[in-house]
Amino acid sequence: MNKMKTSKLARKESLTGFLFCLPSIIGMLVFFVVPFCLCLYMSFTESTGNGRFMGLKNYAEVLKSAAFRLAAGNTLKFIVIAVPAIILVSLFIALLLYKKLRGYHFFRTLFVFPLVLPTASVVLFFQIIFAETGLLNHVLEFLGITPTEWINSPNAFYVLVILYIWKNSGYNIILSLSALNAIPKSYYEAADIDGASKSVQFFKITFPLIMPYTFFITVISIINSFKSFREAFLLFGSHPNKSIYMLQHFMNNNFQNLNYIRLAVGAIMIFIAIFLLILIMFRLRVKSGDTEL
């Protein structure tokens, strides 16, 4: 009898939990799963009005496109340079804040501040600095250095990297601080007793124990790198210098040209690239072994 009551109670709790989750499930189906399936279907058809199956022909045409290859190469270059840079910068700042230097509360708030700024404000700030008649060129001219074109030249790539790091490092700093605060202080006390230097403590204690957090930060940084299009579009326009012509520009231009098939193919290929990249990282993490706090 007690088993029957327990079983009914478990079923009731399961049903209640399912009903609470139902709005989220419906939202995910309507706004993510169904559109993704439609996008996948469109990528194999001749056009939006003609559902004739084309196989991999659309994918082959996009891969042959010079614009797509340029966008893919620039996006890969951006990830390879910007993601390690933001991880190192965030970890370095987090280590300084972790030492609770004088005024660290102010600086902790300062680094998080860009996260809450509207994108338009961020873009305006960078225009003031990097425009042809901007603050940076005025400083260079004052120092006797020839002013540089930052926005409409290959230098735009490095401006975008700086913008990405400045805009997104605050969140990574918070995560890095959480990782550092989770390490038991007794480990460092024991290392001090054994006479271990600060560098030895970092590589033998700090670095191995923050690796699980670093993996998560890397995944978040890669995802955020694909979200940098808003700032790039507002700062450099829809047809920027070819050094920062990213996959998002390719997709946006196809959307404006109403070429929905190429747009669908581009979206699916970006999904596959991100999925494979994250999968490889998971495999490497499992192969190297997890380090739990």
Protein backbone atom coordinates (compact mmCIF):
# COMPACT_ATOMS: atom_id res chain seq x y z
CA MET A 1 0.00 0.00 0.00
CA ASN A 2 2.80 2.35 0.91
CA LYS A 3 4.56 1.48 -2.35
CA MET A 4 1.42 2.39 -4.33
CA LYS A 5 1.13 5.74 -2.52
CA THR A 6 4.82 6.41 -3.13
CA SER A 7 4.42 5.54 -6.81
CA LYS A 8 1.39 7.82 -7.20
CA LEU A 9 3.20 10.63 -5.41
CA ALA A 10 6.24 10.21 -7.67
CA ARG A 11 4.04 10.29 -10.79
CA LYS A 12 2.24 13.38 -9.49
CA GLU A 13 5.53 15.14 -8.80
CA SER A 14 6.84 14.16 -12.23
CA LEU A 15 3.69 15.51 -13.91
CA THR A 16 3.92 18.74 -11.89
CA GLY A 17 7.55 19.18 -12.89
CA PHE A 18 6.72 18.50 -16.53
CA LEU A 19 3.91 21.10 -16.49
CA PHE A 20 6.27 23.69 -15.05
CA CYS A 21 8.84 22.89 -17.76
CA LEU A 22 6.23 22.82 -20.55
CA PRO A 23 6.35 26.58 -21.37
CA SER A 24 10.13 26.39 -21.75
CA ILE A 25 9.86 23.24 -23.88
CA ILE A 26 7.24 24.86 -26.14
CA GLY A 27 9.37 28.00 -26.43
CA MET A 28 12.43 25.97 -27.39
CA LEU A 29 10.45 24.02 -30.00
CA VAL A 30 8.82 27.11 -31.52
CA PHE A 31 11.82 29.43 -31.54
CA PHE A 32 14.77 27.03 -31.92
CA VAL A 33 14.03 23.45 -32.97
CA VAL A 34 11.36 24.14 -35.63
CA PRO A 35 13.27 27.05 -37.26
CA PHE A 36 16.45 24.96 -37.29
CA CYS A 37 14.64 22.08 -39.00
CA LEU A 38 13.15 24.47 -41.58
CA CYS A 39 16.58 26.00 -42.16
CA LEU A 40 18.10 22.54 -42.61
CA TYR A 41 15.35 21.63 -45.09
CA MET A 42 15.79 24.85 -47.08
CA SER A 43 19.53 24.28 -47.38
CA PHE A 44 18.87 21.19 -49.53
CA THR A 45 16.23 22.76 -51.82
CA GLU A 46 16.51 24.76 -55.03
CA SER A 47 14.67 27.84 -53.75
CA THR A 48 12.10 28.91 -51.17
CA GLY A 49 9.32 28.57 -53.74
CA ASN A 50 10.64 25.37 -55.30
CA GLY A 51 11.18 22.49 -52.90
CA ARG A 52 13.13 20.39 -55.42
CA PHE A 53 15.85 18.45 -53.60
CA MET A 54 19.35 19.61 -54.59
CA GLY A 55 21.48 17.35 -52.42
CA LEU A 56 24.82 18.93 -51.48
CA LYS A 57 24.90 21.22 -54.52
CA ASN A 58 24.02 24.32 -52.47
CA TYR A 59 26.79 23.54 -49.98
CA ALA A 60 29.31 23.04 -52.81
CA GLU A 61 28.38 26.40 -54.36
CA VAL A 62 28.77 28.22 -51.05
CA LEU A 63 32.15 26.58 -50.41
CA LYS A 64 33.30 27.70 -53.88
CA SER A 65 32.24 31.27 -53.12
CA ALA A 66 35.21 33.62 -52.67
CA ALA A 67 33.16 35.73 -50.25
CA PHE A 68 32.43 32.72 -48.03
CA ARG A 69 36.06 31.55 -48.01
CA LEU A 70 37.20 35.06 -47.07
CA ALA A 71 34.59 35.26 -44.31
CA ALA A 72 35.44 31.80 -42.97
CA GLY A 73 39.18 32.53 -42.97
CA ASN A 74 38.74 35.86 -41.17
CA THR A 75 36.40 34.30 -38.61
CA LEU A 76 38.88 31.50 -37.90
CA LYS A 77 41.72 34.02 -37.60
CA PHE A 78 39.63 36.13 -35.23
CA ILE A 79 38.88 33.12 -32.99
CA VAL A 80 42.52 31.95 -32.97
CA ILE A 81 43.79 35.42 -31.94
CA ALA A 82 40.96 36.95 -29.89
CA VAL A 83 39.88 33.96 -27.77
CA PRO A 84 43.34 33.12 -26.30
CA ALA A 85 43.95 36.86 -25.83
CA ILE A 86 40.76 37.42 -23.84
CA ILE A 87 41.41 34.32 -21.70
CA LEU A 88 44.93 35.49 -20.80
CA VAL A 89 43.85 39.09 -20.17
CA SER A 90 40.90 37.99 -18.03
CA LEU A 91 43.02 35.56 -16.00
CA PHE A 92 45.75 38.17 -15.45
CA ILE A 93 43.24 40.76 -14.22
CA ALA A 94 41.46 38.15 -12.08
CA LEU A 95 44.79 37.23 -10.41
CA LEU A 96 45.41 40.90 -9.60
CA LEU A 97 41.91 41.30 -8.17
CA TYR A 98 42.29 38.03 -6.25
CA LYS A 99 45.23 39.50 -4.36
CA LYS A 100 42.82 42.18 -3.08
CA LEU A 101 45.08 45.06 -4.01
CA ARG A 102 44.12 48.56 -2.93
CA GLY A 103 40.95 49.68 -4.70
CA TYR A 104 40.16 46.24 -6.10
CA HIS A 105 36.43 46.71 -5.45
CA PHE A 106 36.43 49.73 -7.78
CA PHE A 107 38.34 47.92 -10.51
CA ARG A 108 36.14 44.83 -10.21
CA THR A 109 33.10 47.02 -10.88
CA LEU A 110 34.93 48.88 -13.65
CA PHE A 111 35.70 45.72 -15.64
CA VAL A 112 32.10 44.51 -15.40
CA PHE A 113 30.71 47.88 -16.51
CA PRO A 114 31.06 47.22 -20.31
CA LEU A 115 28.66 44.26 -19.97
CA VAL A 116 25.73 46.57 -19.15
CA LEU A 117 26.53 49.29 -21.69
CA PRO A 118 24.29 49.50 -24.80
CA THR A 119 26.05 48.41 -27.99
CA ALA A 120 25.53 51.84 -29.56
CA SER A 121 27.35 53.50 -26.64
CA VAL A 122 30.26 51.10 -26.97
CA VAL A 123 30.52 51.79 -30.70
CA LEU A 124 30.37 55.55 -30.15
CA PHE A 125 33.17 55.28 -27.59
CA PHE A 126 35.41 53.39 -30.03
CA GLN A 127 34.59 55.80 -32.85
CA ILE A 128 35.78 58.67 -30.65
CA ILE A 129 39.07 56.84 -30.09
CA PHE A 130 39.79 55.20 -33.46
CA ALA A 131 38.19 57.55 -36.01
CA GLU A 132 40.47 59.25 -38.54
CA THR A 133 40.21 62.45 -36.48
CA GLY A 134 39.83 60.54 -33.22
CA LEU A 135 41.59 60.76 -29.91
CA LEU A 136 44.26 58.14 -30.67
CA ASN A 137 45.40 59.86 -33.85
CA HIS A 138 45.55 63.19 -32.02
CA VAL A 139 47.81 61.60 -29.40
CA LEU A 140 50.02 60.05 -32.12
CA GLU A 141 50.27 63.38 -33.90
CA PHE A 142 51.18 65.12 -30.64
CA LEU A 143 53.99 62.58 -30.13
CA GLY A 144 55.28 63.21 -33.64
CA ILE A 145 54.02 59.90 -35.04
CA THR A 146 52.14 59.77 -38.33
CA PRO A 147 48.39 59.23 -37.71
CA THR A 148 46.99 55.88 -38.86
CA GLU A 149 43.74 54.96 -40.54
CA TRP A 150 42.14 52.49 -38.13
CA ILE A 151 38.59 51.99 -39.37
CA ASN A 152 38.96 51.56 -43.15
CA SER A 153 42.22 49.62 -43.28
CA PRO A 154 43.59 46.20 -42.26
CA ASN A 155 44.10 47.74 -38.80
CA ALA A 156 40.33 47.37 -38.37
CA PHE A 157 40.93 43.71 -37.46
CA TYR A 158 42.94 44.67 -34.38
CA VAL A 159 40.41 47.34 -33.44
CA LEU A 160 37.73 44.64 -33.51
CA VAL A 161 39.89 42.35 -31.35
CA ILE A 162 40.37 45.15 -28.80
CA LEU A 163 36.64 45.89 -28.87
CA TYR A 164 35.79 42.22 -28.33
CA ILE A 165 38.20 41.90 -25.38
CA TRP A 166 37.05 45.15 -23.77
CA LYS A 167 33.37 44.29 -24.15
CA ASN A 168 33.49 40.66 -22.99
CA SER A 169 36.39 40.34 -20.54
CA GLY A 170 34.25 41.38 -17.54
CA TYR A 171 32.23 38.16 -17.57
CA ASN A 172 35.39 36.06 -17.94
CA ILE A 173 36.98 37.92 -15.02
CA ILE A 174 34.00 37.05 -12.81
CA LEU A 175 34.30 33.37 -13.76
CA SER A 176 38.06 33.38 -13.21
CA LEU A 177 37.61 34.98 -9.78
CA SER A 178 35.08 32.30 -8.89
CA ALA A 179 37.60 29.63 -9.88
CA LEU A 180 40.36 31.23 -7.82
CA ASN A 181 38.14 31.67 -4.76
CA ALA A 182 37.13 27.99 -4.94
CA ILE A 183 40.71 26.83 -4.37
CA PRO A 184 41.26 25.95 -0.67
CA LYS A 185 43.68 28.35 1.01
CA SER A 186 45.27 25.40 2.82
CA TYR A 187 46.94 24.34 -0.44
CA TYR A 188 48.88 27.60 -0.62
CA GLU A 189 49.67 27.50 3.10
CA ALA A 190 51.17 24.02 2.70
CA ALA A 191 53.13 25.19 -0.36
CA ASP A 192 54.51 28.17 1.60
CA ILE A 193 55.65 25.84 4.37
CA ASP A 194 57.42 23.67 1.78
CA GLY A 195 59.14 26.78 0.39
CA ALA A 196 57.44 26.77 -3.02
CA SER A 197 57.78 29.99 -5.00
CA LYS A 198 54.77 31.92 -6.35
CA SER A 199 55.42 30.70 -9.88
CA VAL A 200 55.59 27.08 -8.70
CA GLN A 201 52.34 27.56 -6.76
CA PHE A 202 50.66 28.94 -9.87
CA PHE A 203 51.69 26.09 -12.19
CA LYS A 204 51.32 23.31 -9.59
CA ILE A 205 48.19 24.49 -7.72
CA THR A 206 46.34 27.39 -9.35
CA PHE A 207 46.54 26.45 -13.02
CA PRO A 208 45.57 22.75 -12.70
CA LEU A 209 42.64 23.53 -10.37
CA ILE A 210 41.14 26.27 -12.55
CA MET A 211 41.30 24.18 -15.74
CA PRO A 212 37.62 23.07 -15.59
CA TYR A 213 36.61 26.73 -15.31
CA THR A 214 39.04 27.69 -18.07
CA PHE A 215 37.37 25.15 -20.35
CA PHE A 216 33.97 26.73 -19.71
CA ILE A 217 35.42 30.24 -20.19
CA THR A 218 36.90 29.14 -23.52
CA VAL A 219 33.55 27.81 -24.74
CA ILE A 220 31.79 31.03 -23.69
CA SER A 221 34.51 33.13 -25.36
CA ILE A 222 34.16 31.24 -28.64
CA ILE A 223 30.38 31.70 -28.60
CA ASN A 224 30.77 35.41 -27.79
CA SER A 225 33.23 35.80 -30.66
CA PHE A 226 30.39 34.96 -33.05
CA LYS A 227 28.29 37.65 -31.36
CA SER A 228 30.76 40.43 -32.10
CA PHE A 229 28.95 41.15 -35.38
CA ARG A 230 26.71 43.81 -33.79
CA GLU A 231 29.65 45.96 -32.82
CA ALA A 232 31.47 45.26 -36.10
CA PHE A 233 28.38 46.16 -38.15
CA LEU A 234 27.76 49.45 -36.32
CA LEU A 235 31.42 50.46 -36.23
CA PHE A 236 32.58 49.35 -39.69
CA GLY A 237 29.34 49.07 -41.71
CA SER A 238 27.84 46.23 -43.75
CA HIS A 239 30.77 46.24 -46.23
CA PRO A 240 33.87 46.70 -44.03
CA ASN A 241 37.52 46.27 -44.86
CA LYS A 242 38.10 42.72 -46.10
CA SER A 243 40.25 41.95 -43.03
CA ILE A 244 37.09 41.87 -40.85
CA TYR A 245 34.60 40.49 -43.36
CA MET A 246 33.21 37.74 -41.11
CA LEU A 247 30.70 34.92 -41.59
CA GLN A 248 28.06 37.13 -40.00
CA HIS A 249 28.67 39.74 -42.72
CA PHE A 250 28.28 37.03 -45.35
CA MET A 251 24.97 35.95 -43.87
CA ASN A 252 23.72 39.50 -43.37
CA ASN A 253 24.48 40.41 -46.99
CA ASN A 254 22.65 37.32 -48.25
CA PHE A 255 19.69 38.22 -46.05
CA GLN A 256 19.58 41.72 -47.55
CA ASN A 257 19.78 40.21 -51.05
CA LEU A 258 16.91 37.82 -50.18
CA ASN A 259 19.14 34.83 -50.97
CA TYR A 260 17.62 32.65 -48.26
CA ILE A 261 19.09 29.40 -49.58
CA ARG A 262 22.67 30.63 -49.23
CA LEU A 263 21.67 32.10 -45.87
CA ALA A 264 20.34 28.73 -44.70
CA VAL A 265 23.46 26.93 -45.93
CA GLY A 266 25.71 29.45 -44.15
CA ALA A 267 23.74 29.07 -40.91
CA ILE A 268 23.98 25.27 -41.00
CA MET A 269 27.69 25.36 -41.77
CA ILE A 270 28.34 27.75 -38.87
CA PHE A 271 26.36 25.43 -36.59
CA ILE A 272 28.42 22.45 -37.74
CA ALA A 273 31.69 24.36 -37.26
CA ILE A 274 30.79 25.46 -33.72
CA PHE A 275 29.50 21.99 -32.84
CA LEU A 276 32.68 20.28 -34.07
CA LEU A 277 34.88 22.83 -32.33
CA ILE A 278 33.14 22.36 -28.99
CA LEU A 279 33.11 18.57 -29.49
CA ILE A 280 36.87 18.56 -30.08
CA MET A 281 37.38 20.60 -26.93
CA PHE A 282 35.26 18.17 -24.92
CA ARG A 283 37.25 15.26 -26.33
CA LEU A 284 40.55 16.93 -25.43
CA ARG A 285 39.27 17.63 -21.93
CA VAL A 286 38.19 14.03 -21.41
CA LYS A 287 41.46 12.74 -22.87
CA SER A 288 43.55 14.96 -20.60
CA GLY A 289 41.42 14.05 -17.59
CA ASP A 290 39.14 16.29 -15.53
CA THR A 291 40.56 18.19 -12.60
CA GLU A 292 37.90 18.66 -9.96
CA LEU A 293 38.17 21.11 -7.08
